[in-house]
Amino acid sequence: MKNEKAEEIFRNFLKEEKNRITPERFEVMEYALGYDGHFGADELFIKMKNSKSRVSRATVYNTLELLVQCNLLSKRNFGDNISRYESNFKRQQHDHLICVECGKIIEFTDARLTGIPESICKDLNFDLDSYSFNIFARCRNKKACKKYRNEKN
């Protein structure tokens, strides 16, 4: 599904930053923005290869970084030294709850957090660009936690 507004944002960014405008970069953009949830660069590359894409792994990695720079994607690290990405395009601000045992990630929004990042920035004389709020915890329901399910198998 073509996303003309995202394509326009990315094309303008590439021009302004004097990066090459290639069909491969836009193919990566489409796959990345269409990915449901969080993904690693290798996951996206494999998904594209399974769909018969001819885009190289290096192009995927480089394009993901460009998409982060132009704010179409967010780059996240959930404490496991793996960079994951998620679309920013037409998505509501949200936060993350991560199980430190199995790595399960739950996205949530909570009105109690509204305004806190702006307030902290104002108090410390900063202008807010973006923020990421992650809670690291453990699944209470051990039967539902992937770690414990896998240990039994």
C-alpha atoms as a PDB file:
ATOM      1  CA  MET A   1       0.000   0.000   0.000  1.00  0.00           C
ATOM      2  CA  LYS A   2       1.627   3.239  -1.162  1.00  0.00           C
ATOM      3  CA  ASN A   3       1.777   6.003   1.365  1.00  0.00           C
ATOM      4  CA  GLU A   4       2.155   9.201  -0.615  1.00  0.00           C
ATOM      5  CA  LYS A   5       2.549  11.556   2.371  1.00  0.00           C
ATOM      6  CA  ALA A   6       5.341   9.448   3.908  1.00  0.00           C
ATOM      7  CA  GLU A   7       6.949   9.159   0.487  1.00  0.00           C
ATOM      8  CA  GLU A   8       6.893  12.949   0.128  1.00  0.00           C
ATOM      9  CA  ILE A   9       8.434  13.445   3.596  1.00  0.00           C
ATOM     10  CA  PHE A  10      11.181  10.909   2.843  1.00  0.00           C
ATOM     11  CA  ARG A  11      11.876  12.284  -0.652  1.00  0.00           C
ATOM     12  CA  ASN A  12      12.195  15.858   0.701  1.00  0.00           C
ATOM     13  CA  PHE A  13      14.484  14.657   3.493  1.00  0.00           C
ATOM     14  CA  LEU A  14      16.732  12.777   1.060  1.00  0.00           C
ATOM     15  CA  LYS A  15      16.972  15.860  -1.200  1.00  0.00           C
ATOM     16  CA  GLU A  16      17.739  18.228   1.689  1.00  0.00           C
ATOM     17  CA  GLU A  17      20.420  15.932   3.085  1.00  0.00           C
ATOM     18  CA  LYS A  18      21.847  15.268  -0.387  1.00  0.00           C
ATOM     19  CA  ASN A  19      21.204  11.515  -0.235  1.00  0.00           C
ATOM     20  CA  ARG A  20      20.474   9.459  -3.323  1.00  0.00           C
ATOM     21  CA  ILE A  21      16.797   8.922  -4.100  1.00  0.00           C
ATOM     22  CA  THR A  22      16.427   5.271  -5.101  1.00  0.00           C
ATOM     23  CA  PRO A  23      13.474   2.901  -5.548  1.00  0.00           C
ATOM     24  CA  GLU A  24      15.130   0.499  -3.072  1.00  0.00           C
ATOM     25  CA  ARG A  25      14.985   3.086  -0.284  1.00  0.00           C
ATOM     26  CA  PHE A  26      11.287   3.620  -0.896  1.00  0.00           C
ATOM     27  CA  GLU A  27      10.711  -0.130  -0.933  1.00  0.00           C
ATOM     28  CA  VAL A  28      12.362  -0.391   2.496  1.00  0.00           C
ATOM     29  CA  MET A  29      10.254   2.558   3.683  1.00  0.00           C
ATOM     30  CA  GLU A  30       7.018   0.838   2.593  1.00  0.00           C
ATOM     31  CA  TYR A  31       7.928  -2.413   4.352  1.00  0.00           C
ATOM     32  CA  ALA A  32       9.086  -0.586   7.495  1.00  0.00           C
ATOM     33  CA  LEU A  33       6.005   1.625   7.798  1.00  0.00           C
ATOM     34  CA  GLY A  34       3.761  -1.351   7.090  1.00  0.00           C
ATOM     35  CA  TYR A  35       5.377  -3.590   9.707  1.00  0.00           C
ATOM     36  CA  ASP A  36       3.010  -4.322  12.580  1.00  0.00           C
ATOM     37  CA  GLY A  37       4.811  -3.640  15.861  1.00  0.00           C
ATOM     38  CA  HIS A  38       8.524  -3.527  16.659  1.00  0.00           C
ATOM     39  CA  PHE A  39      11.114  -5.077  14.371  1.00  0.00           C
ATOM     40  CA  GLY A  40      14.847  -5.460  13.973  1.00  0.00           C
ATOM     41  CA  ALA A  41      16.688  -4.676  10.745  1.00  0.00           C
ATOM     42  CA  ASP A  42      17.358  -8.366  10.129  1.00  0.00           C
ATOM     43  CA  GLU A  43      13.681  -9.227  10.655  1.00  0.00           C
ATOM     44  CA  LEU A  44      12.690  -6.642   8.065  1.00  0.00           C
ATOM     45  CA  PHE A  45      15.374  -7.867   5.660  1.00  0.00           C
ATOM     46  CA  ILE A  46      14.144 -11.477   5.984  1.00  0.00           C
ATOM     47  CA  LYS A  47      10.532 -10.405   5.493  1.00  0.00           C
ATOM     48  CA  MET A  48      11.527  -8.524   2.341  1.00  0.00           C
ATOM     49  CA  LYS A  49      13.591 -11.459   1.020  1.00  0.00           C
ATOM     50  CA  ASN A  50      10.671 -13.825   1.668  1.00  0.00           C
ATOM     51  CA  SER A  51       8.572 -11.483  -0.457  1.00  0.00           C
ATOM     52  CA  LYS A  52      11.130 -11.762  -3.287  1.00  0.00           C
ATOM     53  CA  SER A  53      12.693  -8.340  -2.742  1.00  0.00           C
ATOM     54  CA  ARG A  54      16.171  -7.856  -4.162  1.00  0.00           C
ATOM     55  CA  VAL A  55      17.170  -5.121  -1.688  1.00  0.00           C
ATOM     56  CA  SER A  56      20.508  -5.750   0.032  1.00  0.00           C
ATOM     57  CA  ARG A  57      20.944  -6.057   3.795  1.00  0.00           C
ATOM     58  CA  ALA A  58      23.163  -2.938   3.755  1.00  0.00           C
ATOM     59  CA  THR A  59      20.433  -0.939   2.016  1.00  0.00           C
ATOM     60  CA  VAL A  60      17.917  -2.050   4.661  1.00  0.00           C
ATOM     61  CA  TYR A  61      20.223  -1.019   7.520  1.00  0.00           C
ATOM     62  CA  ASN A  62      21.190   2.308   5.932  1.00  0.00           C
ATOM     63  CA  THR A  63      17.631   3.186   4.943  1.00  0.00           C
ATOM     64  CA  LEU A  64      16.277   2.430   8.417  1.00  0.00           C
ATOM     65  CA  GLU A  65      18.749   4.941   9.848  1.00  0.00           C
ATOM     66  CA  LEU A  66      17.643   7.552   7.297  1.00  0.00           C
ATOM     67  CA  LEU A  67      13.987   6.893   8.203  1.00  0.00           C
ATOM     68  CA  VAL A  68      14.848   7.478  11.862  1.00  0.00           C
ATOM     69  CA  GLN A  69      16.648  10.724  10.988  1.00  0.00           C
ATOM     70  CA  CYS A  70      13.587  12.052   9.146  1.00  0.00           C
ATOM     71  CA  ASN A  71      11.312  10.914  12.018  1.00  0.00           C
ATOM     72  CA  LEU A  72       9.234   8.389  10.077  1.00  0.00           C
ATOM     73  CA  LEU A  73      10.592   5.640  12.358  1.00  0.00           C
ATOM     74  CA  SER A  74      11.664   5.487  15.990  1.00  0.00           C
ATOM     75  CA  LYS A  75      14.668   3.450  17.010  1.00  0.00           C
ATOM     76  CA  ARG A  76      14.253   1.678  20.338  1.00  0.00           C
ATOM     77  CA  ASN A  77      16.416  -0.411  22.613  1.00  0.00           C
ATOM     78  CA  PHE A  78      14.538  -2.379  25.229  1.00  0.00           C
ATOM     79  CA  GLY A  79      17.532  -3.345  27.355  1.00  0.00           C
ATOM     80  CA  ASP A  80      18.712  -6.341  25.333  1.00  0.00           C
ATOM     81  CA  ASN A  81      21.254  -4.538  23.102  1.00  0.00           C
ATOM     82  CA  ILE A  82      19.089  -5.081  20.020  1.00  0.00           C
ATOM     83  CA  SER A  83      17.916  -2.046  18.070  1.00  0.00           C
ATOM     84  CA  ARG A  84      14.263  -2.256  17.147  1.00  0.00           C
ATOM     85  CA  TYR A  85      12.230   0.090  15.026  1.00  0.00           C
ATOM     86  CA  GLU A  86       8.613   1.137  14.897  1.00  0.00           C
ATOM     87  CA  SER A  87       6.652   3.460  12.684  1.00  0.00           C
ATOM     88  CA  ASN A  88       6.035   7.018  13.852  1.00  0.00           C
ATOM     89  CA  PHE A  89       3.865   7.749  10.876  1.00  0.00           C
ATOM     90  CA  LYS A  90       0.229   8.375  11.852  1.00  0.00           C
ATOM     91  CA  ARG A  91       0.755   6.692  15.224  1.00  0.00           C
ATOM     92  CA  GLN A  92      -0.282   7.910  18.629  1.00  0.00           C
ATOM     93  CA  GLN A  93       2.443   8.566  21.211  1.00  0.00           C
ATOM     94  CA  HIS A  94       2.721   5.503  23.413  1.00  0.00           C
ATOM     95  CA  ASP A  95       4.993   3.937  25.983  1.00  0.00           C
ATOM     96  CA  HIS A  96       6.312   0.419  26.564  1.00  0.00           C
ATOM     97  CA  LEU A  97       6.163  -2.262  29.242  1.00  0.00           C
ATOM     98  CA  ILE A  98       8.858  -4.909  28.689  1.00  0.00           C
ATOM     99  CA  CYS A  99       9.186  -8.286  30.432  1.00  0.00           C
ATOM    100  CA  VAL A 100      12.838  -8.722  31.409  1.00  0.00           C
ATOM    101  CA  GLU A 101      12.381 -12.510  31.387  1.00  0.00           C
ATOM    102  CA  CYS A 102      10.794 -13.189  27.992  1.00  0.00           C
ATOM    103  CA  GLY A 103      11.129  -9.863  26.165  1.00  0.00           C
ATOM    104  CA  LYS A 104       7.388  -9.405  25.596  1.00  0.00           C
ATOM    105  CA  ILE A 105       6.617  -5.772  24.767  1.00  0.00           C
ATOM    106  CA  ILE A 106       3.252  -4.195  25.520  1.00  0.00           C
ATOM    107  CA  GLU A 107       2.466  -0.743  24.192  1.00  0.00           C
ATOM    108  CA  PHE A 108       0.279   1.469  26.360  1.00  0.00           C
ATOM    109  CA  THR A 109      -0.911   5.025  26.839  1.00  0.00           C
ATOM    110  CA  ASP A 110      -1.736   6.512  30.211  1.00  0.00           C
ATOM    111  CA  ALA A 111      -3.157   9.978  30.740  1.00  0.00           C
ATOM    112  CA  ARG A 112      -1.188  10.281  34.008  1.00  0.00           C
ATOM    113  CA  LEU A 113       2.003  10.609  31.946  1.00  0.00           C
ATOM    114  CA  THR A 114       0.653  13.431  29.765  1.00  0.00           C
ATOM    115  CA  GLY A 115       2.661  16.584  30.207  1.00  0.00           C
ATOM    116  CA  ILE A 116       5.405  15.061  32.366  1.00  0.00           C
ATOM    117  CA  PRO A 117       8.160  15.091  29.689  1.00  0.00           C
ATOM    118  CA  GLU A 118       7.321  18.697  28.737  1.00  0.00           C
ATOM    119  CA  SER A 119       7.275  19.757  32.390  1.00  0.00           C
ATOM    120  CA  ILE A 120      10.641  18.148  33.125  1.00  0.00           C
ATOM    121  CA  CYS A 121      12.175  19.779  30.034  1.00  0.00           C
ATOM    122  CA  LYS A 122      10.773  23.159  31.003  1.00  0.00           C
ATOM    123  CA  ASP A 123      12.090  22.831  34.581  1.00  0.00           C
ATOM    124  CA  LEU A 124      15.569  21.909  33.317  1.00  0.00           C
ATOM    125  CA  ASN A 125      15.585  24.535  30.545  1.00  0.00           C
ATOM    126  CA  PHE A 126      15.277  22.178  27.556  1.00  0.00           C
ATOM    127  CA  ASP A 127      12.949  22.035  24.558  1.00  0.00           C
ATOM    128  CA  LEU A 128      11.390  18.599  24.155  1.00  0.00           C
ATOM    129  CA  ASP A 129      12.211  16.834  20.906  1.00  0.00           C
ATOM    130  CA  SER A 130      10.844  13.387  21.702  1.00  0.00           C
ATOM    131  CA  TYR A 131      10.773  10.929  24.548  1.00  0.00           C
ATOM    132  CA  SER A 132      10.596   7.230  25.219  1.00  0.00           C
ATOM    133  CA  PHE A 133       9.203   5.802  28.446  1.00  0.00           C
ATOM    134  CA  ASN A 134       9.957   2.142  29.122  1.00  0.00           C
ATOM    135  CA  ILE A 135       9.000   0.097  32.164  1.00  0.00           C
ATOM    136  CA  PHE A 136      11.017  -3.072  32.738  1.00  0.00           C
ATOM    137  CA  ALA A 137       9.143  -5.706  34.736  1.00  0.00           C
ATOM    138  CA  ARG A 138       8.347  -9.437  34.877  1.00  0.00           C
ATOM    139  CA  CYS A 139       5.201 -11.173  33.663  1.00  0.00           C
ATOM    140  CA  ARG A 140       3.074 -12.038  36.721  1.00  0.00           C
ATOM    141  CA  ASN A 141       1.394 -14.924  34.953  1.00  0.00           C
ATOM    142  CA  LYS A 142       4.242 -17.433  34.542  1.00  0.00           C
ATOM    143  CA  LYS A 143       2.056 -19.620  32.310  1.00  0.00           C
ATOM    144  CA  ALA A 144       1.692 -16.741  29.846  1.00  0.00           C
ATOM    145  CA  CYS A 145       5.388 -15.718  29.972  1.00  0.00           C
ATOM    146  CA  LYS A 146       7.237 -17.026  26.901  1.00  0.00           C
ATOM    147  CA  LYS A 147      10.375 -17.750  28.950  1.00  0.00           C
ATOM    148  CA  TYR A 148       8.612 -20.156  31.269  1.00  0.00           C
ATOM    149  CA  ARG A 149       6.556 -21.764  28.479  1.00  0.00           C
ATOM    150  CA  ASN A 150       9.768 -22.457  26.519  1.00  0.00           C
ATOM    151  CA  GLU A 151      11.576 -23.896  29.571  1.00  0.00           C
ATOM    152  CA  LYS A 152       8.859 -26.544  29.926  1.00  0.00           C
ATOM    153  CA  ASN A 153       9.267 -27.715  26.309  1.00  0.00           C
END
